[in-house]
Amino acid sequence: MEAPQYVAARVQRALAEDERTTELGIRVDVRGDQLYLRGQVVGTERRELIAEVAGEAAPGLDVHNEIDIVDVRDPVREERL
């Protein structure tokens, strides 16, 4: 059986390298046969794609998608520094 840290590293590499996601900001934790994804992204579709790629990189694990969706809006007025 592969060590959890190696599985997590493989999933993080897949998220970074897969053209569907190219994601670096997601934390991946593996506990037994459970894989947890945590972080923040913009949009439901992106959240679902990340879970899909993670599941492909770690077949046989139950993926728990705990990624939050953030709402990014344009500034209401010009920001002055």
PDB file of N, CA and C in Angstrom:
ATOM      1  N   MET A   1       0.840  -1.187   0.000  1.00  0.00           N
ATOM      2  CA  MET A   1       0.000   0.000   0.000  1.00  0.00           C
ATOM      3  C   MET A   1       0.890   1.258   0.000  1.00  0.00           C
ATOM      4  N   GLU A   2       0.528   2.206  -0.803  1.00  0.00           N
ATOM      5  CA  GLU A   2       1.299   3.433  -0.949  1.00  0.00           C
ATOM      6  C   GLU A   2       1.087   4.360   0.254  1.00  0.00           C
ATOM      7  N   ALA A   3       2.170   4.991   0.721  1.00  0.00           N
ATOM      8  CA  ALA A   3       2.091   5.893   1.872  1.00  0.00           C
ATOM      9  C   ALA A   3       1.202   7.095   1.536  1.00  0.00           C
ATOM     10  N   PRO A   4       0.417   7.560   2.516  1.00  0.00           N
ATOM     11  CA  PRO A   4      -0.508   8.681   2.267  1.00  0.00           C
ATOM     12  C   PRO A   4       0.163   9.926   1.699  1.00  0.00           C
ATOM     13  N   GLN A   5       1.372  10.248   2.175  1.00  0.00           N
ATOM     14  CA  GLN A   5       2.025  11.460   1.676  1.00  0.00           C
ATOM     15  C   GLN A   5       2.382  11.341   0.193  1.00  0.00           C
ATOM     16  N   TYR A   6       2.659  10.123  -0.282  1.00  0.00           N
ATOM     17  CA  TYR A   6       2.956   9.932  -1.702  1.00  0.00           C
ATOM     18  C   TYR A   6       1.691  10.069  -2.544  1.00  0.00           C
ATOM     19  N   VAL A   7       0.591   9.555  -2.023  1.00  0.00           N
ATOM     20  CA  VAL A   7      -0.686   9.695  -2.731  1.00  0.00           C
ATOM     21  C   VAL A   7      -1.059  11.180  -2.822  1.00  0.00           C
ATOM     22  N   ALA A   8      -0.932  11.897  -1.694  1.00  0.00           N
ATOM     23  CA  ALA A   8      -1.251  13.328  -1.675  1.00  0.00           C
ATOM     24  C   ALA A   8      -0.370  14.095  -2.655  1.00  0.00           C
ATOM     25  N   ALA A   9       0.916  13.772  -2.693  1.00  0.00           N
ATOM     26  CA  ALA A   9       1.840  14.445  -3.622  1.00  0.00           C
ATOM     27  C   ALA A   9       1.466  14.154  -5.072  1.00  0.00           C
ATOM     28  N   ARG A  10       1.067  12.906  -5.354  1.00  0.00           N
ATOM     29  CA  ARG A  10       0.662  12.548  -6.720  1.00  0.00           C
ATOM     30  C   ARG A  10      -0.579  13.327  -7.138  1.00  0.00           C
ATOM     31  N   VAL A  11      -1.543  13.466  -6.219  1.00  0.00           N
ATOM     32  CA  VAL A  11      -2.767  14.208  -6.526  1.00  0.00           C
ATOM     33  C   VAL A  11      -2.446  15.685  -6.740  1.00  0.00           C
ATOM     34  N   GLN A  12      -1.605  16.268  -5.880  1.00  0.00           N
ATOM     35  CA  GLN A  12      -1.247  17.677  -6.036  1.00  0.00           C
ATOM     36  C   GLN A  12      -0.519  17.910  -7.360  1.00  0.00           C
ATOM     37  N   ARG A  13       0.352  16.988  -7.740  1.00  0.00           N
ATOM     38  CA  ARG A  13       1.050  17.104  -9.026  1.00  0.00           C
ATOM     39  C   ARG A  13       0.051  17.023 -10.180  1.00  0.00           C
ATOM     40  N   ALA A  14      -0.914  16.119 -10.077  1.00  0.00           N
ATOM     41  CA  ALA A  14      -1.930  15.990 -11.127  1.00  0.00           C
ATOM     42  C   ALA A  14      -2.753  17.268 -11.246  1.00  0.00           C
ATOM     43  N   LEU A  15      -3.116  17.860 -10.108  1.00  0.00           N
ATOM     44  CA  LEU A  15      -3.898  19.102 -10.133  1.00  0.00           C
ATOM     45  C   LEU A  15      -3.104  20.239 -10.769  1.00  0.00           C
ATOM     46  N   ALA A  16      -1.794  20.252 -10.540  1.00  0.00           N
ATOM     47  CA  ALA A  16      -0.943  21.302 -11.105  1.00  0.00           C
ATOM     48  C   ALA A  16      -0.700  21.095 -12.594  1.00  0.00           C
ATOM     49  N   GLU A  17      -0.547  19.849 -13.015  1.00  0.00           N
ATOM     50  CA  GLU A  17      -0.134  19.560 -14.387  1.00  0.00           C
ATOM     51  C   GLU A  17      -1.279  19.311 -15.360  1.00  0.00           C
ATOM     52  N   ASP A  18      -2.438  18.916 -14.870  1.00  0.00           N
ATOM     53  CA  ASP A  18      -3.566  18.634 -15.762  1.00  0.00           C
ATOM     54  C   ASP A  18      -4.077  19.937 -16.370  1.00  0.00           C
ATOM     55  N   GLU A  19      -4.236  19.954 -17.680  1.00  0.00           N
ATOM     56  CA  GLU A  19      -4.651  21.189 -18.362  1.00  0.00           C
ATOM     57  C   GLU A  19      -6.062  21.636 -17.984  1.00  0.00           C
ATOM     58  N   ARG A  20      -6.856  20.730 -17.428  1.00  0.00           N
ATOM     59  CA  ARG A  20      -8.207  21.110 -16.995  1.00  0.00           C
ATOM     60  C   ARG A  20      -8.185  21.933 -15.718  1.00  0.00           C
ATOM     61  N   THR A  21      -7.132  21.784 -14.920  1.00  0.00           N
ATOM     62  CA  THR A  21      -7.113  22.447 -13.616  1.00  0.00           C
ATOM     63  C   THR A  21      -5.945  23.423 -13.443  1.00  0.00           C
ATOM     64  N   THR A  22      -4.733  23.004 -13.755  1.00  0.00           N
ATOM     65  CA  THR A  22      -3.514  23.792 -13.482  1.00  0.00           C
ATOM     66  C   THR A  22      -3.628  24.530 -12.145  1.00  0.00           C
ATOM     67  N   GLU A  23      -3.931  23.780 -11.109  1.00  0.00           N
ATOM     68  CA  GLU A  23      -4.238  24.341  -9.792  1.00  0.00           C
ATOM     69  C   GLU A  23      -3.108  24.064  -8.803  1.00  0.00           C
ATOM     70  N   LEU A  24      -2.627  25.112  -8.138  1.00  0.00           N
ATOM     71  CA  LEU A  24      -1.559  24.971  -7.154  1.00  0.00           C
ATOM     72  C   LEU A  24      -2.036  25.215  -5.725  1.00  0.00           C
ATOM     73  N   GLY A  25      -3.204  25.799  -5.551  1.00  0.00           N
ATOM     74  CA  GLY A  25      -3.623  26.249  -4.233  1.00  0.00           C
ATOM     75  C   GLY A  25      -4.550  25.328  -3.472  1.00  0.00           C
ATOM     76  N   ILE A  26      -4.597  24.061  -3.814  1.00  0.00           N
ATOM     77  CA  ILE A  26      -5.502  23.138  -3.121  1.00  0.00           C
ATOM     78  C   ILE A  26      -4.701  22.234  -2.191  1.00  0.00           C
ATOM     79  N   ARG A  27      -5.146  22.142  -0.949  1.00  0.00           N
ATOM     80  CA  ARG A  27      -4.493  21.254   0.010  1.00  0.00           C
ATOM     81  C   ARG A  27      -5.113  19.862  -0.108  1.00  0.00           C
ATOM     82  N   VAL A  28      -4.267  18.856  -0.154  1.00  0.00           N
ATOM     83  CA  VAL A  28      -4.703  17.471  -0.304  1.00  0.00           C
ATOM     84  C   VAL A  28      -4.254  16.688   0.927  1.00  0.00           C
ATOM     85  N   ASP A  29      -5.200  16.050   1.599  1.00  0.00           N
ATOM     86  CA  ASP A  29      -4.895  15.202   2.750  1.00  0.00           C
ATOM     87  C   ASP A  29      -5.449  13.810   2.486  1.00  0.00           C
ATOM     88  N   VAL A  30      -4.672  12.799   2.836  1.00  0.00           N
ATOM     89  CA  VAL A  30      -5.109  11.415   2.676  1.00  0.00           C
ATOM     90  C   VAL A  30      -5.084  10.748   4.039  1.00  0.00           C
ATOM     91  N   ARG A  31      -6.224  10.164   4.405  1.00  0.00           N
ATOM     92  CA  ARG A  31      -6.334   9.402   5.653  1.00  0.00           C
ATOM     93  C   ARG A  31      -7.014   8.080   5.330  1.00  0.00           C
ATOM     94  N   GLY A  32      -6.235   7.027   5.354  1.00  0.00           N
ATOM     95  CA  GLY A  32      -6.768   5.718   4.996  1.00  0.00           C
ATOM     96  C   GLY A  32      -7.208   5.726   3.542  1.00  0.00           C
ATOM     97  N   ASP A  33      -8.473   5.378   3.299  1.00  0.00           N
ATOM     98  CA  ASP A  33      -8.978   5.383   1.920  1.00  0.00           C
ATOM     99  C   ASP A  33      -9.796   6.638   1.631  1.00  0.00           C
ATOM    100  N   GLN A  34      -9.562   7.694   2.420  1.00  0.00           N
ATOM    101  CA  GLN A  34     -10.279   8.958   2.258  1.00  0.00           C
ATOM    102  C   GLN A  34      -9.318  10.046   1.770  1.00  0.00           C
ATOM    103  N   LEU A  35      -9.724  10.787   0.766  1.00  0.00           N
ATOM    104  CA  LEU A  35      -8.925  11.882   0.228  1.00  0.00           C
ATOM    105  C   LEU A  35      -9.715  13.176   0.419  1.00  0.00           C
ATOM    106  N   TYR A  36      -9.098  14.147   1.058  1.00  0.00           N
ATOM    107  CA  TYR A  36      -9.765  15.421   1.359  1.00  0.00           C
ATOM    108  C   TYR A  36      -9.135  16.535   0.546  1.00  0.00           C
ATOM    109  N   LEU A  37      -9.970  17.334  -0.102  1.00  0.00           N
ATOM    110  CA  LEU A  37      -9.528  18.492  -0.870  1.00  0.00           C
ATOM    111  C   LEU A  37     -10.020  19.743  -0.155  1.00  0.00           C
ATOM    112  N   ARG A  38      -9.089  20.665   0.108  1.00  0.00           N
ATOM    113  CA  ARG A  38      -9.461  21.911   0.790  1.00  0.00           C
ATOM    114  C   ARG A  38      -8.784  23.085   0.111  1.00  0.00           C
ATOM    115  N   GLY A  39      -9.476  24.205   0.091  1.00  0.00           N
ATOM    116  CA  GLY A  39      -8.942  25.424  -0.504  1.00  0.00           C
ATOM    117  C   GLY A  39     -10.094  26.285  -0.990  1.00  0.00           C
ATOM    118  N   GLN A  40      -9.754  27.216  -1.863  1.00  0.00           N
ATOM    119  CA  GLN A  40     -10.765  28.120  -2.407  1.00  0.00           C
ATOM    120  C   GLN A  40     -10.574  28.251  -3.911  1.00  0.00           C
ATOM    121  N   VAL A  41     -11.682  28.269  -4.626  1.00  0.00           N
ATOM    122  CA  VAL A  41     -11.670  28.468  -6.078  1.00  0.00           C
ATOM    123  C   VAL A  41     -12.834  29.369  -6.463  1.00  0.00           C
ATOM    124  N   VAL A  42     -12.791  29.836  -7.691  1.00  0.00           N
ATOM    125  CA  VAL A  42     -13.872  30.662  -8.228  1.00  0.00           C
ATOM    126  C   VAL A  42     -14.739  29.768  -9.106  1.00  0.00           C
ATOM    127  N   GLY A  43     -15.939  29.460  -8.660  1.00  0.00           N
ATOM    128  CA  GLY A  43     -16.897  28.751  -9.499  1.00  0.00           C
ATOM    129  C   GLY A  43     -17.061  27.273  -9.197  1.00  0.00           C
ATOM    130  N   THR A  44     -18.293  26.836  -9.333  1.00  0.00           N
ATOM    131  CA  THR A  44     -18.661  25.443  -9.092  1.00  0.00           C
ATOM    132  C   THR A  44     -18.002  24.506 -10.091  1.00  0.00           C
ATOM    133  N   GLU A  45     -17.949  24.914 -11.357  1.00  0.00           N
ATOM    134  CA  GLU A  45     -17.367  24.045 -12.386  1.00  0.00           C
ATOM    135  C   GLU A  45     -15.907  23.732 -12.072  1.00  0.00           C
ATOM    136  N   ARG A  46     -15.155  24.731 -11.643  1.00  0.00           N
ATOM    137  CA  ARG A  46     -13.741  24.528 -11.296  1.00  0.00           C
ATOM    138  C   ARG A  46     -13.616  23.578 -10.103  1.00  0.00           C
ATOM    139  N   ARG A  47     -14.469  23.758  -9.130  1.00  0.00           N
ATOM    140  CA  ARG A  47     -14.472  22.885  -7.945  1.00  0.00           C
ATOM    141  C   ARG A  47     -14.709  21.436  -8.359  1.00  0.00           C
ATOM    142  N   GLU A  48     -15.656  21.213  -9.246  1.00  0.00           N
ATOM    143  CA  GLU A  48     -15.973  19.856  -9.703  1.00  0.00           C
ATOM    144  C   GLU A  48     -14.849  19.257 -10.533  1.00  0.00           C
ATOM    145  N   LEU A  49     -14.203  20.064 -11.387  1.00  0.00           N
ATOM    146  CA  LEU A  49     -13.083  19.577 -12.191  1.00  0.00           C
ATOM    147  C   LEU A  49     -11.919  19.135 -11.308  1.00  0.00           C
ATOM    148  N   ILE A  50     -11.663  19.891 -10.254  1.00  0.00           N
ATOM    149  CA  ILE A  50     -10.579  19.540  -9.344  1.00  0.00           C
ATOM    150  C   ILE A  50     -10.855  18.189  -8.687  1.00  0.00           C
ATOM    151  N   ALA A  51     -12.085  17.972  -8.257  1.00  0.00           N
ATOM    152  CA  ALA A  51     -12.446  16.687  -7.656  1.00  0.00           C
ATOM    153  C   ALA A  51     -12.318  15.551  -8.671  1.00  0.00           C
ATOM    154  N   GLU A  52     -12.682  15.817  -9.908  1.00  0.00           N
ATOM    155  CA  GLU A  52     -12.583  14.803 -10.963  1.00  0.00           C
ATOM    156  C   GLU A  52     -11.127  14.407 -11.203  1.00  0.00           C
ATOM    157  N   VAL A  53     -10.257  15.402 -11.350  1.00  0.00           N
ATOM    158  CA  VAL A  53      -8.838  15.122 -11.590  1.00  0.00           C
ATOM    159  C   VAL A  53      -8.224  14.399 -10.389  1.00  0.00           C
ATOM    160  N   ALA A  54      -8.578  14.821  -9.179  1.00  0.00           N
ATOM    161  CA  ALA A  54      -8.063  14.165  -7.971  1.00  0.00           C
ATOM    162  C   ALA A  54      -8.495  12.708  -7.925  1.00  0.00           C
ATOM    163  N   GLY A  55      -9.744  12.444  -8.254  1.00  0.00           N
ATOM    164  CA  GLY A  55     -10.237  11.072  -8.267  1.00  0.00           C
ATOM    165  C   GLY A  55      -9.538  10.200  -9.289  1.00  0.00           C
ATOM    166  N   GLU A  56      -9.200  10.778 -10.436  1.00  0.00           N
ATOM    167  CA  GLU A  56      -8.470  10.036 -11.465  1.00  0.00           C
ATOM    168  C   GLU A  56      -7.039   9.736 -11.014  1.00  0.00           C
ATOM    169  N   ALA A  57      -6.451  10.655 -10.249  1.00  0.00           N
ATOM    170  CA  ALA A  57      -5.067  10.476  -9.795  1.00  0.00           C
ATOM    171  C   ALA A  57      -4.968   9.502  -8.624  1.00  0.00           C
ATOM    172  N   ALA A  58      -6.079   9.291  -7.922  1.00  0.00           N
ATOM    173  CA  ALA A  58      -6.096   8.389  -6.766  1.00  0.00           C
ATOM    174  C   ALA A  58      -7.315   7.482  -6.832  1.00  0.00           C
ATOM    175  N   PRO A  59      -7.355   6.594  -7.838  1.00  0.00           N
ATOM    176  CA  PRO A  59      -8.522   5.708  -7.957  1.00  0.00           C
ATOM    177  C   PRO A  59      -8.646   4.809  -6.720  1.00  0.00           C
ATOM    178  N   GLY A  60      -9.868   4.560  -6.332  1.00  0.00           N
ATOM    179  CA  GLY A  60     -10.103   3.706  -5.182  1.00  0.00           C
ATOM    180  C   GLY A  60     -10.261   4.465  -3.875  1.00  0.00           C
ATOM    181  N   LEU A  61      -9.939   5.760  -3.873  1.00  0.00           N
ATOM    182  CA  LEU A  61     -10.123   6.557  -2.665  1.00  0.00           C
ATOM    183  C   LEU A  61     -11.442   7.320  -2.750  1.00  0.00           C
ATOM    184  N   ASP A  62     -12.066   7.521  -1.612  1.00  0.00           N
ATOM    185  CA  ASP A  62     -13.278   8.340  -1.548  1.00  0.00           C
ATOM    186  C   ASP A  62     -12.859   9.797  -1.468  1.00  0.00           C
ATOM    187  N   VAL A  63     -13.284  10.603  -2.432  1.00  0.00           N
ATOM    188  CA  VAL A  63     -12.902  12.012  -2.488  1.00  0.00           C
ATOM    189  C   VAL A  63     -13.931  12.849  -1.727  1.00  0.00           C
ATOM    190  N   HIS A  64     -13.438  13.620  -0.762  1.00  0.00           N
ATOM    191  CA  HIS A  64     -14.267  14.557  -0.009  1.00  0.00           C
ATOM    192  C   HIS A  64     -13.894  15.962  -0.471  1.00  0.00           C
ATOM    193  N   ASN A  65     -14.765  16.555  -1.253  1.00  0.00           N
ATOM    194  CA  ASN A  65     -14.487  17.867  -1.826  1.00  0.00           C
ATOM    195  C   ASN A  65     -14.960  18.948  -0.849  1.00  0.00           C
ATOM    196  N   GLU A  66     -14.022  19.483  -0.077  1.00  0.00           N
ATOM    197  CA  GLU A  66     -14.338  20.513   0.907  1.00  0.00           C
ATOM    198  C   GLU A  66     -13.857  21.885   0.432  1.00  0.00           C
ATOM    199  N   ILE A  67     -13.725  22.038  -0.875  1.00  0.00           N
ATOM    200  CA  ILE A  67     -13.254  23.288  -1.464  1.00  0.00           C
ATOM    201  C   ILE A  67     -14.376  24.328  -1.402  1.00  0.00           C
ATOM    202  N   ASP A  68     -14.019  25.519  -0.935  1.00  0.00           N
ATOM    203  CA  ASP A  68     -14.974  26.628  -0.871  1.00  0.00           C
ATOM    204  C   ASP A  68     -14.973  27.396  -2.185  1.00  0.00           C
ATOM    205  N   ILE A  69     -16.144  27.901  -2.543  1.00  0.00           N
ATOM    206  CA  ILE A  69     -16.263  28.744  -3.734  1.00  0.00           C
ATOM    207  C   ILE A  69     -16.285  30.191  -3.274  1.00  0.00           C
ATOM    208  N   VAL A  70     -15.377  30.983  -3.830  1.00  0.00           N
ATOM    209  CA  VAL A  70     -15.318  32.395  -3.462  1.00  0.00           C
ATOM    210  C   VAL A  70     -15.940  33.225  -4.570  1.00  0.00           C
ATOM    211  N   ASP A  71     -16.532  34.317  -4.171  1.00  0.00           N
ATOM    212  CA  ASP A  71     -17.183  35.225  -5.101  1.00  0.00           C
ATOM    213  C   ASP A  71     -16.233  36.398  -5.357  1.00  0.00           C
ATOM    214  N   VAL A  72     -15.717  36.459  -6.554  1.00  0.00           N
ATOM    215  CA  VAL A  72     -14.806  37.544  -6.916  1.00  0.00           C
ATOM    216  C   VAL A  72     -15.595  38.555  -7.732  1.00  0.00           C
ATOM    217  N   ARG A  73     -15.627  39.763  -7.231  1.00  0.00           N
ATOM    218  CA  ARG A  73     -16.374  40.824  -7.917  1.00  0.00           C
ATOM    219  C   ARG A  73     -15.423  41.941  -8.308  1.00  0.00           C
ATOM    220  N   ASP A  74     -15.831  42.665  -9.315  1.00  0.00           N
ATOM    221  CA  ASP A  74     -15.063  43.847  -9.703  1.00  0.00           C
ATOM    222  C   ASP A  74     -15.198  44.895  -8.610  1.00  0.00           C
ATOM    223  N   PRO A  75     -14.148  45.694  -8.406  1.00  0.00           N
ATOM    224  CA  PRO A  75     -14.255  46.749  -7.396  1.00  0.00           C
ATOM    225  C   PRO A  75     -15.358  47.732  -7.745  1.00  0.00           C
ATOM    226  N   VAL A  76     -16.045  48.206  -6.725  1.00  0.00           N
ATOM    227  CA  VAL A  76     -17.137  49.163  -6.922  1.00  0.00           C
ATOM    228  C   VAL A  76     -16.569  50.516  -7.334  1.00  0.00           C
ATOM    229  N   ARG A  77     -15.445  50.865  -6.750  1.00  0.00           N
ATOM    230  CA  ARG A  77     -14.810  52.134  -7.110  1.00  0.00           C
ATOM    231  C   ARG A  77     -13.313  51.921  -7.201  1.00  0.00           C
ATOM    232  N   GLU A  78     -12.651  52.874  -7.752  1.00  0.00           N
ATOM    233  CA  GLU A  78     -11.211  52.776  -7.921  1.00  0.00           C
ATOM    234  C   GLU A  78     -10.529  52.799  -6.560  1.00  0.00           C
ATOM    235  N   GLU A  79      -9.594  51.891  -6.406  1.00  0.00           N
ATOM    236  CA  GLU A  79      -8.850  51.835  -5.134  1.00  0.00           C
ATOM    237  C   GLU A  79      -7.656  52.785  -5.201  1.00  0.00           C
ATOM    238  N   ARG A  80      -7.509  53.557  -4.172  1.00  0.00           N
ATOM    239  CA  ARG A  80      -6.378  54.496  -4.123  1.00  0.00           C
ATOM    240  C   ARG A  80      -5.395  54.026  -3.066  1.00  0.00           C
ATOM    241  N   LEU A  81      -4.136  54.086  -3.434  1.00  0.00           N
ATOM    242  CA  LEU A  81      -3.087  53.660  -2.497  1.00  0.00           C
ATOM    243  C   LEU A  81      -2.363  54.841  -1.930  1.00  0.00           C
TER     244      LEU A  81
END
